Amino acid sequence: MDGSQLGGTIMIFGMTPFTLFHVILSLIGIVSGLIVLAGLIGSDRKESWTLIFLITTVATTVTGFLFPYSGFTPAIGVGIISLIFLIAAIAALYVYRLAGSWRWVYVVSAIVSLYLNCFVLVAQSFQKIPALNALAPTGSEPPFAIVQGVVLALFVIAGFLSLRRFHPAYA
């Protein structure tokens, strides 16, 4: 065995191809989502980036449900919540075209969806990156809570700014 296979399963960077695909989707969703978030704060719809963000974040959530199932887990709960917010964001943007209160529904839903993806990124980083795992091996230690708290605070601030500033004309 040359290290690229483990028990007959092909491994890439220690991940199966499906896991790698899921991670890549997630990272694209996060990067494009941060660009969209900057656009929300600047009242710029960033239409192409928004489409990329929504597609990859939906795909991340859906592929997350395709991993082996062993009962309800926090990850499944986050996935369900994320999917609900993604559906609301998509409906607000593409069906209701940000009219009236659908503007704030879109802003809140898109930001919550991005936050949940970032929440999972932080959680996975503390589980998978040895230096971070050493700081918080169970995920209940102060370093993990501090990082998650900072991420949440930044998203709350960004959400507040976005709600106040995002008033585009739907073209």
N, C-alpha and C. Protein backbone atom coordinates (compact mmCIF):
# COMPACT_ATOMS: atom_id res chain seq x y z
N MET A 1 0.85 -1.18 0.00
CA MET A 1 0.00 0.00 0.00
C MET A 1 0.89 1.23 0.00
N ASP A 2 0.63 2.18 -0.89
CA ASP A 2 1.50 3.34 -1.06
C ASP A 2 1.05 4.57 -0.27
N GLY A 3 0.11 4.45 0.61
CA GLY A 3 -0.35 5.60 1.39
C GLY A 3 -1.52 6.32 0.75
N SER A 4 -1.75 6.08 -0.56
CA SER A 4 -2.87 6.74 -1.21
C SER A 4 -4.16 5.95 -1.04
N GLN A 5 -4.02 4.71 -0.53
CA GLN A 5 -5.21 3.90 -0.30
C GLN A 5 -5.21 3.42 1.14
N LEU A 6 -6.38 3.33 1.70
CA LEU A 6 -6.54 2.86 3.06
C LEU A 6 -7.74 1.94 3.06
N GLY A 7 -7.50 0.66 3.24
CA GLY A 7 -8.59 -0.29 3.28
C GLY A 7 -9.40 -0.32 1.99
N GLY A 8 -8.75 -0.11 0.84
CA GLY A 8 -9.44 -0.14 -0.44
C GLY A 8 -10.10 1.17 -0.81
N THR A 9 -10.13 2.14 0.08
CA THR A 9 -10.72 3.44 -0.21
C THR A 9 -9.63 4.41 -0.60
N ILE A 10 -9.80 5.06 -1.73
CA ILE A 10 -8.82 6.06 -2.17
C ILE A 10 -8.88 7.24 -1.21
N MET A 11 -7.70 7.71 -0.79
CA MET A 11 -7.64 8.85 0.13
C MET A 11 -6.85 9.98 -0.53
N ILE A 12 -7.34 11.20 -0.39
CA ILE A 12 -6.67 12.40 -0.88
C ILE A 12 -6.57 13.35 0.30
N PHE A 13 -5.34 13.71 0.69
CA PHE A 13 -5.13 14.55 1.88
C PHE A 13 -5.83 13.93 3.09
N GLY A 14 -5.84 12.60 3.16
CA GLY A 14 -6.47 11.92 4.29
C GLY A 14 -7.99 11.89 4.22
N MET A 15 -8.56 12.26 3.07
CA MET A 15 -10.02 12.29 2.91
C MET A 15 -10.43 11.44 1.72
N THR A 16 -11.64 10.91 1.78
CA THR A 16 -12.18 10.23 0.62
C THR A 16 -12.50 11.29 -0.44
N PRO A 17 -12.60 10.90 -1.70
CA PRO A 17 -12.96 11.89 -2.73
C PRO A 17 -14.27 12.61 -2.43
N PHE A 18 -15.25 11.90 -1.87
CA PHE A 18 -16.53 12.54 -1.55
C PHE A 18 -16.35 13.59 -0.45
N THR A 19 -15.58 13.26 0.58
CA THR A 19 -15.32 14.23 1.65
C THR A 19 -14.57 15.43 1.10
N LEU A 20 -13.59 15.20 0.25
CA LEU A 20 -12.83 16.30 -0.36
C LEU A 20 -13.77 17.19 -1.18
N PHE A 21 -14.65 16.58 -1.95
CA PHE A 21 -15.63 17.34 -2.74
C PHE A 21 -16.50 18.20 -1.82
N HIS A 22 -16.97 17.62 -0.73
CA HIS A 22 -17.80 18.33 0.25
C HIS A 22 -17.02 19.51 0.85
N VAL A 23 -15.77 19.29 1.20
CA VAL A 23 -14.94 20.35 1.79
C VAL A 23 -14.69 21.47 0.78
N ILE A 24 -14.40 21.11 -0.47
CA ILE A 24 -14.17 22.13 -1.50
C ILE A 24 -15.43 22.96 -1.72
N LEU A 25 -16.59 22.30 -1.79
CA LEU A 25 -17.86 23.04 -1.91
C LEU A 25 -18.02 24.01 -0.75
N SER A 26 -17.74 23.53 0.44
CA SER A 26 -17.89 24.36 1.63
C SER A 26 -16.96 25.57 1.59
N LEU A 27 -15.71 25.36 1.21
CA LEU A 27 -14.76 26.47 1.15
C LEU A 27 -15.14 27.49 0.07
N ILE A 28 -15.61 27.00 -1.07
CA ILE A 28 -16.08 27.92 -2.12
C ILE A 28 -17.28 28.70 -1.60
N GLY A 29 -18.19 28.02 -0.90
CA GLY A 29 -19.35 28.69 -0.33
C GLY A 29 -18.95 29.76 0.68
N ILE A 30 -17.95 29.47 1.50
CA ILE A 30 -17.52 30.45 2.50
C ILE A 30 -16.85 31.65 1.84
N VAL A 31 -15.93 31.40 0.92
CA VAL A 31 -15.23 32.51 0.26
C VAL A 31 -16.22 33.37 -0.52
N SER A 32 -17.07 32.74 -1.32
CA SER A 32 -18.05 33.52 -2.09
C SER A 32 -19.04 34.20 -1.16
N GLY A 33 -19.39 33.55 -0.07
CA GLY A 33 -20.30 34.15 0.90
C GLY A 33 -19.72 35.38 1.57
N LEU A 34 -18.42 35.36 1.85
CA LEU A 34 -17.77 36.54 2.43
C LEU A 34 -17.77 37.70 1.44
N ILE A 35 -17.61 37.39 0.16
CA ILE A 35 -17.69 38.43 -0.87
C ILE A 35 -19.11 38.99 -0.93
N VAL A 36 -20.10 38.12 -0.87
CA VAL A 36 -21.50 38.55 -0.85
C VAL A 36 -21.77 39.40 0.39
N LEU A 37 -21.25 38.98 1.53
CA LEU A 37 -21.44 39.74 2.76
C LEU A 37 -20.86 41.15 2.64
N ALA A 38 -19.68 41.26 2.06
CA ALA A 38 -19.10 42.59 1.82
C ALA A 38 -20.02 43.40 0.91
N GLY A 39 -20.61 42.74 -0.08
CA GLY A 39 -21.56 43.41 -0.96
C GLY A 39 -22.80 43.88 -0.21
N LEU A 40 -23.31 43.06 0.69
CA LEU A 40 -24.48 43.45 1.47
C LEU A 40 -24.19 44.71 2.29
N ILE A 41 -23.02 44.73 2.90
CA ILE A 41 -22.64 45.89 3.70
C ILE A 41 -22.52 47.14 2.82
N GLY A 42 -22.07 46.95 1.57
CA GLY A 42 -21.92 48.06 0.64
C GLY A 42 -23.13 48.29 -0.26
N SER A 43 -24.23 47.61 0.01
CA SER A 43 -25.46 47.70 -0.77
C SER A 43 -25.24 47.34 -2.25
N ASP A 44 -24.42 46.33 -2.46
CA ASP A 44 -24.11 45.83 -3.81
C ASP A 44 -24.55 44.37 -3.85
N ARG A 45 -25.44 44.03 -4.76
CA ARG A 45 -26.00 42.67 -4.81
C ARG A 45 -25.00 41.60 -5.19
N LYS A 46 -23.95 41.93 -5.89
CA LYS A 46 -22.94 40.94 -6.30
C LYS A 46 -23.64 39.67 -6.83
N GLU A 47 -24.41 39.86 -7.89
CA GLU A 47 -25.28 38.80 -8.39
C GLU A 47 -24.56 37.49 -8.71
N SER A 48 -23.44 37.55 -9.42
CA SER A 48 -22.73 36.31 -9.77
C SER A 48 -22.19 35.62 -8.53
N TRP A 49 -21.59 36.39 -7.63
CA TRP A 49 -21.06 35.82 -6.39
C TRP A 49 -22.18 35.25 -5.53
N THR A 50 -23.33 35.91 -5.54
CA THR A 50 -24.48 35.43 -4.77
C THR A 50 -24.93 34.08 -5.29
N LEU A 51 -25.01 33.94 -6.60
CA LEU A 51 -25.41 32.67 -7.19
C LEU A 51 -24.42 31.57 -6.82
N ILE A 52 -23.13 31.85 -6.91
CA ILE A 52 -22.10 30.87 -6.52
C ILE A 52 -22.26 30.51 -5.05
N PHE A 53 -22.42 31.52 -4.20
CA PHE A 53 -22.59 31.29 -2.77
C PHE A 53 -23.79 30.39 -2.49
N LEU A 54 -24.93 30.73 -3.07
CA LEU A 54 -26.14 29.96 -2.78
C LEU A 54 -26.04 28.53 -3.31
N ILE A 55 -25.54 28.36 -4.52
CA ILE A 55 -25.42 27.01 -5.09
C ILE A 55 -24.46 26.15 -4.28
N THR A 56 -23.28 26.69 -3.99
CA THR A 56 -22.29 25.87 -3.27
C THR A 56 -22.70 25.63 -1.82
N THR A 57 -23.40 26.57 -1.21
CA THR A 57 -23.82 26.36 0.17
C THR A 57 -24.96 25.36 0.25
N VAL A 58 -25.89 25.41 -0.71
CA VAL A 58 -26.92 24.38 -0.78
C VAL A 58 -26.26 23.02 -1.03
N ALA A 59 -25.33 22.96 -1.97
CA ALA A 59 -24.65 21.70 -2.28
C ALA A 59 -23.87 21.17 -1.08
N THR A 60 -23.24 22.06 -0.33
CA THR A 60 -22.53 21.65 0.89
C THR A 60 -23.50 21.02 1.87
N THR A 61 -24.63 21.67 2.07
CA THR A 61 -25.62 21.17 3.02
C THR A 61 -26.17 19.82 2.57
N VAL A 62 -26.53 19.72 1.30
CA VAL A 62 -27.09 18.47 0.78
C VAL A 62 -26.07 17.34 0.85
N THR A 63 -24.83 17.61 0.45
CA THR A 63 -23.82 16.54 0.51
C THR A 63 -23.53 16.16 1.96
N GLY A 64 -23.70 17.09 2.88
CA GLY A 64 -23.51 16.76 4.30
C GLY A 64 -24.48 15.70 4.77
N PHE A 65 -25.67 15.67 4.19
CA PHE A 65 -26.67 14.66 4.55
C PHE A 65 -26.35 13.29 3.94
N LEU A 66 -25.40 13.23 3.02
CA LEU A 66 -25.09 11.97 2.34
C LEU A 66 -23.99 11.17 3.02
N PHE A 67 -23.41 11.72 4.09
CA PHE A 67 -22.41 10.96 4.84
C PHE A 67 -23.12 9.85 5.62
N PRO A 68 -22.37 8.80 6.00
CA PRO A 68 -22.99 7.70 6.76
C PRO A 68 -23.78 8.23 7.96
N TYR A 69 -24.96 7.71 8.11
CA TYR A 69 -25.91 8.18 9.13
C TYR A 69 -25.89 7.22 10.32
N SER A 70 -25.71 7.77 11.52
CA SER A 70 -25.73 6.93 12.72
C SER A 70 -26.57 7.61 13.81
N GLY A 71 -27.71 8.11 13.41
CA GLY A 71 -28.58 8.80 14.35
C GLY A 71 -28.44 10.30 14.25
N PHE A 72 -29.35 11.00 14.89
CA PHE A 72 -29.35 12.46 14.84
C PHE A 72 -28.13 12.99 15.57
N THR A 73 -27.41 13.91 14.90
CA THR A 73 -26.21 14.52 15.48
C THR A 73 -26.35 16.04 15.38
N PRO A 74 -25.51 16.78 16.11
CA PRO A 74 -25.52 18.24 15.94
C PRO A 74 -25.28 18.66 14.49
N ALA A 75 -24.46 17.92 13.77
CA ALA A 75 -24.19 18.26 12.36
C ALA A 75 -25.46 18.17 11.53
N ILE A 76 -26.28 17.17 11.78
CA ILE A 76 -27.54 17.05 11.05
C ILE A 76 -28.47 18.20 11.42
N GLY A 77 -28.50 18.56 12.69
CA GLY A 77 -29.31 19.70 13.13
C GLY A 77 -28.89 20.99 12.46
N VAL A 78 -27.57 21.23 12.39
CA VAL A 78 -27.06 22.43 11.71
C VAL A 78 -27.44 22.39 10.23
N GLY A 79 -27.34 21.22 9.62
CA GLY A 79 -27.71 21.08 8.21
C GLY A 79 -29.17 21.40 7.95
N ILE A 80 -30.05 20.92 8.82
CA ILE A 80 -31.48 21.20 8.67
C ILE A 80 -31.75 22.69 8.81
N ILE A 81 -31.18 23.31 9.83
CA ILE A 81 -31.37 24.75 10.05
C ILE A 81 -30.82 25.54 8.86
N SER A 82 -29.64 25.14 8.39
CA SER A 82 -29.03 25.83 7.25
C SER A 82 -29.92 25.73 6.01
N LEU A 83 -30.45 24.55 5.76
CA LEU A 83 -31.30 24.37 4.58
C LEU A 83 -32.56 25.24 4.66
N ILE A 84 -33.14 25.37 5.84
CA ILE A 84 -34.32 26.23 6.01
C ILE A 84 -33.97 27.68 5.68
N PHE A 85 -32.83 28.16 6.19
CA PHE A 85 -32.43 29.54 5.91
C PHE A 85 -32.06 29.73 4.44
N LEU A 86 -31.43 28.72 3.83
CA LEU A 86 -31.09 28.83 2.41
C LEU A 86 -32.34 28.90 1.55
N ILE A 87 -33.34 28.10 1.87
CA ILE A 87 -34.60 28.15 1.12
C ILE A 87 -35.23 29.54 1.25
N ALA A 88 -35.20 30.10 2.46
CA ALA A 88 -35.75 31.44 2.67
C ALA A 88 -34.97 32.48 1.87
N ALA A 89 -33.64 32.38 1.86
CA ALA A 89 -32.82 33.35 1.12
C ALA A 89 -33.10 33.26 -0.38
N ILE A 90 -33.17 32.05 -0.89
CA ILE A 90 -33.42 31.85 -2.32
C ILE A 90 -34.81 32.38 -2.70
N ALA A 91 -35.81 32.08 -1.88
CA ALA A 91 -37.17 32.57 -2.16
C ALA A 91 -37.21 34.09 -2.10
N ALA A 92 -36.60 34.67 -1.08
CA ALA A 92 -36.62 36.13 -0.93
C ALA A 92 -35.96 36.82 -2.12
N LEU A 93 -34.87 36.25 -2.60
CA LEU A 93 -34.11 36.87 -3.69
C LEU A 93 -34.72 36.61 -5.06
N TYR A 94 -35.02 35.36 -5.35
CA TYR A 94 -35.41 35.00 -6.71
C TYR A 94 -36.92 34.93 -6.94
N VAL A 95 -37.70 34.67 -5.91
CA VAL A 95 -39.15 34.60 -6.07
C VAL A 95 -39.78 35.96 -5.74
N TYR A 96 -39.44 36.49 -4.58
CA TYR A 96 -40.05 37.75 -4.12
C TYR A 96 -39.23 38.98 -4.47
N ARG A 97 -38.06 38.77 -5.06
CA ARG A 97 -37.22 39.84 -5.62
C ARG A 97 -36.92 40.97 -4.64
N LEU A 98 -36.74 40.58 -3.36
CA LEU A 98 -36.35 41.52 -2.29
C LEU A 98 -37.39 42.60 -2.02
N ALA A 99 -38.62 42.38 -2.46
CA ALA A 99 -39.68 43.39 -2.27
C ALA A 99 -40.09 43.47 -0.80
N GLY A 100 -40.23 44.68 -0.31
CA GLY A 100 -40.71 44.90 1.05
C GLY A 100 -39.86 44.19 2.09
N SER A 101 -40.54 43.42 2.94
CA SER A 101 -39.83 42.74 4.03
C SER A 101 -38.95 41.59 3.54
N TRP A 102 -39.09 41.20 2.29
CA TRP A 102 -38.25 40.13 1.76
C TRP A 102 -36.78 40.54 1.69
N ARG A 103 -36.53 41.84 1.68
CA ARG A 103 -35.13 42.31 1.71
C ARG A 103 -34.46 41.86 2.99
N TRP A 104 -35.09 42.12 4.14
CA TRP A 104 -34.44 41.72 5.39
C TRP A 104 -34.47 40.21 5.57
N VAL A 105 -35.50 39.53 5.04
CA VAL A 105 -35.51 38.06 5.10
C VAL A 105 -34.30 37.52 4.36
N TYR A 106 -34.02 38.08 3.19
CA TYR A 106 -32.85 37.65 2.42
C TYR A 106 -31.56 37.92 3.18
N VAL A 107 -31.40 39.13 3.67
CA VAL A 107 -30.16 39.51 4.37
C VAL A 107 -29.92 38.58 5.56
N VAL A 108 -30.92 38.42 6.40
CA VAL A 108 -30.77 37.58 7.60
C VAL A 108 -30.51 36.13 7.20
N SER A 109 -31.27 35.62 6.25
CA SER A 109 -31.14 34.22 5.85
C SER A 109 -29.79 33.93 5.21
N ALA A 110 -29.33 34.81 4.34
CA ALA A 110 -28.03 34.62 3.70
C ALA A 110 -26.91 34.67 4.74
N ILE A 111 -26.99 35.62 5.66
CA ILE A 111 -25.93 35.75 6.66
C ILE A 111 -25.95 34.58 7.64
N VAL A 112 -27.12 34.13 8.06
CA VAL A 112 -27.19 32.97 8.95
C VAL A 112 -26.63 31.74 8.24
N SER A 113 -26.95 31.57 6.96
CA SER A 113 -26.42 30.43 6.20
C SER A 113 -24.90 30.46 6.14
N LEU A 114 -24.35 31.63 5.87
CA LEU A 114 -22.89 31.78 5.84
C LEU A 114 -22.30 31.54 7.22
N TYR A 115 -22.92 32.10 8.24
CA TYR A 115 -22.43 31.90 9.61
C TYR A 115 -22.39 30.41 9.97
N LEU A 116 -23.45 29.68 9.65
CA LEU A 116 -23.48 28.26 9.99
C LEU A 116 -22.37 27.50 9.28
N ASN A 117 -22.08 27.87 8.03
CA ASN A 117 -20.97 27.25 7.31
C ASN A 117 -19.64 27.58 8.00
N CYS A 118 -19.48 28.81 8.46
CA CYS A 118 -18.26 29.21 9.17
C CYS A 118 -18.18 28.54 10.54
N PHE A 119 -19.32 28.40 11.21
CA PHE A 119 -19.38 27.69 12.49
C PHE A 119 -18.84 26.28 12.33
N VAL A 120 -19.30 25.59 11.29
CA VAL A 120 -18.84 24.23 11.03
C VAL A 120 -17.35 24.23 10.67
N LEU A 121 -16.91 25.22 9.89
CA LEU A 121 -15.48 25.32 9.56
C LEU A 121 -14.63 25.42 10.82
N VAL A 122 -15.04 26.25 11.76
CA VAL A 122 -14.29 26.39 13.01
C VAL A 122 -14.31 25.07 13.78
N ALA A 123 -15.48 24.45 13.89
CA ALA A 123 -15.59 23.19 14.62
C ALA A 123 -14.72 22.11 13.99
N GLN A 124 -14.78 21.99 12.66
CA GLN A 124 -13.96 21.00 11.96
C GLN A 124 -12.48 21.31 12.08
N SER A 125 -12.13 22.59 12.06
CA SER A 125 -10.72 22.98 12.19
C SER A 125 -10.18 22.55 13.55
N PHE A 126 -10.97 22.74 14.60
CA PHE A 126 -10.52 22.33 15.93
C PHE A 126 -10.46 20.81 16.06
N GLN A 127 -11.24 20.09 15.28
CA GLN A 127 -11.19 18.63 15.32
C GLN A 127 -10.04 18.08 14.48
N LYS A 128 -9.76 18.70 13.34
CA LYS A 128 -8.84 18.11 12.37
C LYS A 128 -7.43 18.68 12.36
N ILE A 129 -7.25 19.92 12.79
CA ILE A 129 -5.92 20.53 12.76
C ILE A 129 -5.25 20.29 14.11
N PRO A 130 -4.15 19.53 14.13
CA PRO A 130 -3.54 19.12 15.40
C PRO A 130 -3.25 20.27 16.37
N ALA A 131 -2.74 21.39 15.89
CA ALA A 131 -2.42 22.51 16.79
C ALA A 131 -3.67 23.06 17.46
N LEU A 132 -4.77 23.15 16.73
CA LEU A 132 -6.02 23.63 17.31
C LEU A 132 -6.64 22.57 18.22
N ASN A 133 -6.56 21.32 17.79
CA ASN A 133 -7.11 20.24 18.59
C ASN A 133 -6.41 20.14 19.94
N ALA A 134 -5.12 20.44 19.97
CA ALA A 134 -4.37 20.42 21.23
C ALA A 134 -4.90 21.49 22.20
N LEU A 135 -5.41 22.59 21.65
CA LEU A 135 -5.95 23.67 22.49
C LEU A 135 -7.35 23.34 23.02
N ALA A 136 -8.09 22.56 22.25
CA ALA A 136 -9.48 22.25 22.63
C ALA A 136 -9.85 20.87 22.12
N PRO A 137 -9.32 19.81 22.75
CA PRO A 137 -9.55 18.45 22.24
C PRO A 137 -11.00 17.98 22.25
N THR A 138 -11.81 18.49 23.17
CA THR A 138 -13.21 18.04 23.21
C THR A 138 -14.18 19.06 22.62
N GLY A 139 -13.69 20.25 22.30
CA GLY A 139 -14.55 21.29 21.77
C GLY A 139 -15.33 22.03 22.84
N SER A 140 -15.03 21.75 24.09
CA SER A 140 -15.73 22.45 25.18
C SER A 140 -14.79 23.35 25.97
N GLU A 141 -13.55 23.48 25.50
CA GLU A 141 -12.55 24.29 26.19
C GLU A 141 -12.67 25.76 25.79
N PRO A 142 -12.14 26.67 26.62
CA PRO A 142 -12.23 28.11 26.34
C PRO A 142 -11.72 28.55 24.96
N PRO A 143 -10.60 28.03 24.44
CA PRO A 143 -10.15 28.52 23.12
C PRO A 143 -11.21 28.31 22.03
N PHE A 144 -11.86 27.16 22.05
CA PHE A 144 -12.91 26.89 21.07
C PHE A 144 -14.07 27.86 21.25
N ALA A 145 -14.51 28.03 22.49
CA ALA A 145 -15.63 28.93 22.78
C ALA A 145 -15.29 30.37 22.41
N ILE A 146 -14.06 30.78 22.67
CA ILE A 146 -13.65 32.15 22.35
C ILE A 146 -13.69 32.38 20.84
N VAL A 147 -13.13 31.45 20.07
CA VAL A 147 -13.12 31.60 18.61
C VAL A 147 -14.56 31.62 18.08
N GLN A 148 -15.38 30.69 18.54
CA GLN A 148 -16.77 30.67 18.08
C GLN A 148 -17.50 31.95 18.49
N GLY A 149 -17.20 32.45 19.68
CA GLY A 149 -17.82 33.70 20.14
C GLY A 149 -17.42 34.89 19.29
N VAL A 150 -16.14 34.95 18.93
CA VAL A 150 -15.65 36.04 18.07
C VAL A 150 -16.31 35.96 16.69
N VAL A 151 -16.38 34.75 16.14
CA VAL A 151 -17.02 34.57 14.83
C VAL A 151 -18.49 35.01 14.90
N LEU A 152 -19.19 34.59 15.94
CA LEU A 152 -20.59 34.98 16.10
C LEU A 152 -20.72 36.50 16.22
N ALA A 153 -19.88 37.12 17.04
CA ALA A 153 -19.94 38.58 17.22
C ALA A 153 -19.70 39.31 15.90
N LEU A 154 -18.73 38.84 15.12
CA LEU A 154 -18.46 39.47 13.82
C LEU A 154 -19.65 39.34 12.88
N PHE A 155 -20.31 38.19 12.90
CA PHE A 155 -21.48 38.01 12.05
C PHE A 155 -22.66 38.85 12.52
N VAL A 156 -22.83 39.01 13.81
CA VAL A 156 -23.90 39.87 14.32
C VAL A 156 -23.66 41.31 13.88
N ILE A 157 -22.43 41.78 14.00
CA ILE A 157 -22.09 43.14 13.57
C ILE A 157 -22.32 43.30 12.07
N ALA A 158 -21.83 42.32 11.29
CA ALA A 158 -22.00 42.38 9.84
C ALA A 158 -23.48 42.33 9.47
N GLY A 159 -24.26 41.53 10.20
CA GLY A 159 -25.69 41.46 9.95
C GLY A 159 -26.39 42.78 10.22
N PHE A 160 -26.04 43.41 11.32
CA PHE A 160 -26.61 44.71 11.66
C PHE A 160 -26.28 45.73 10.58
N LEU A 161 -25.01 45.78 10.18
CA LEU A 161 -24.59 46.72 9.13
C LEU A 161 -25.31 46.44 7.81
N SER A 162 -25.43 45.15 7.48
CA SER A 162 -26.09 44.77 6.23
C SER A 162 -27.56 45.17 6.23
N LEU A 163 -28.24 44.94 7.34
CA LEU A 163 -29.65 45.31 7.42
C LEU A 163 -29.85 46.81 7.25
N ARG A 164 -28.94 47.58 7.79
CA ARG A 164 -29.05 49.04 7.69
C ARG A 164 -28.66 49.56 6.30
N ARG A 165 -27.71 48.90 5.65
CA ARG A 165 -27.14 49.47 4.42
C ARG A 165 -27.64 48.83 3.13
N PHE A 166 -28.10 47.59 3.17
CA PHE A 166 -28.46 46.90 1.94
C PHE A 166 -29.87 47.29 1.49
N HIS A 167 -29.93 48.20 0.53
CA HIS A 167 -31.20 48.66 -0.04
C HIS A 167 -31.07 48.78 -1.56
N PRO A 168 -30.81 47.66 -2.24
CA PRO A 168 -30.62 47.75 -3.69
C PRO A 168 -31.94 47.84 -4.43
N ALA A 169 -31.87 48.39 -5.61
CA ALA A 169 -33.02 48.34 -6.51
C ALA A 169 -32.92 47.01 -7.23
N TYR A 170 -33.98 46.23 -7.26
CA TYR A 170 -33.93 44.95 -7.95
C TYR A 170 -34.12 45.20 -9.43
N ALA A 171 -33.13 44.80 -10.22
CA ALA A 171 -33.19 45.06 -11.67
C ALA A 171 -33.58 43.81 -12.42
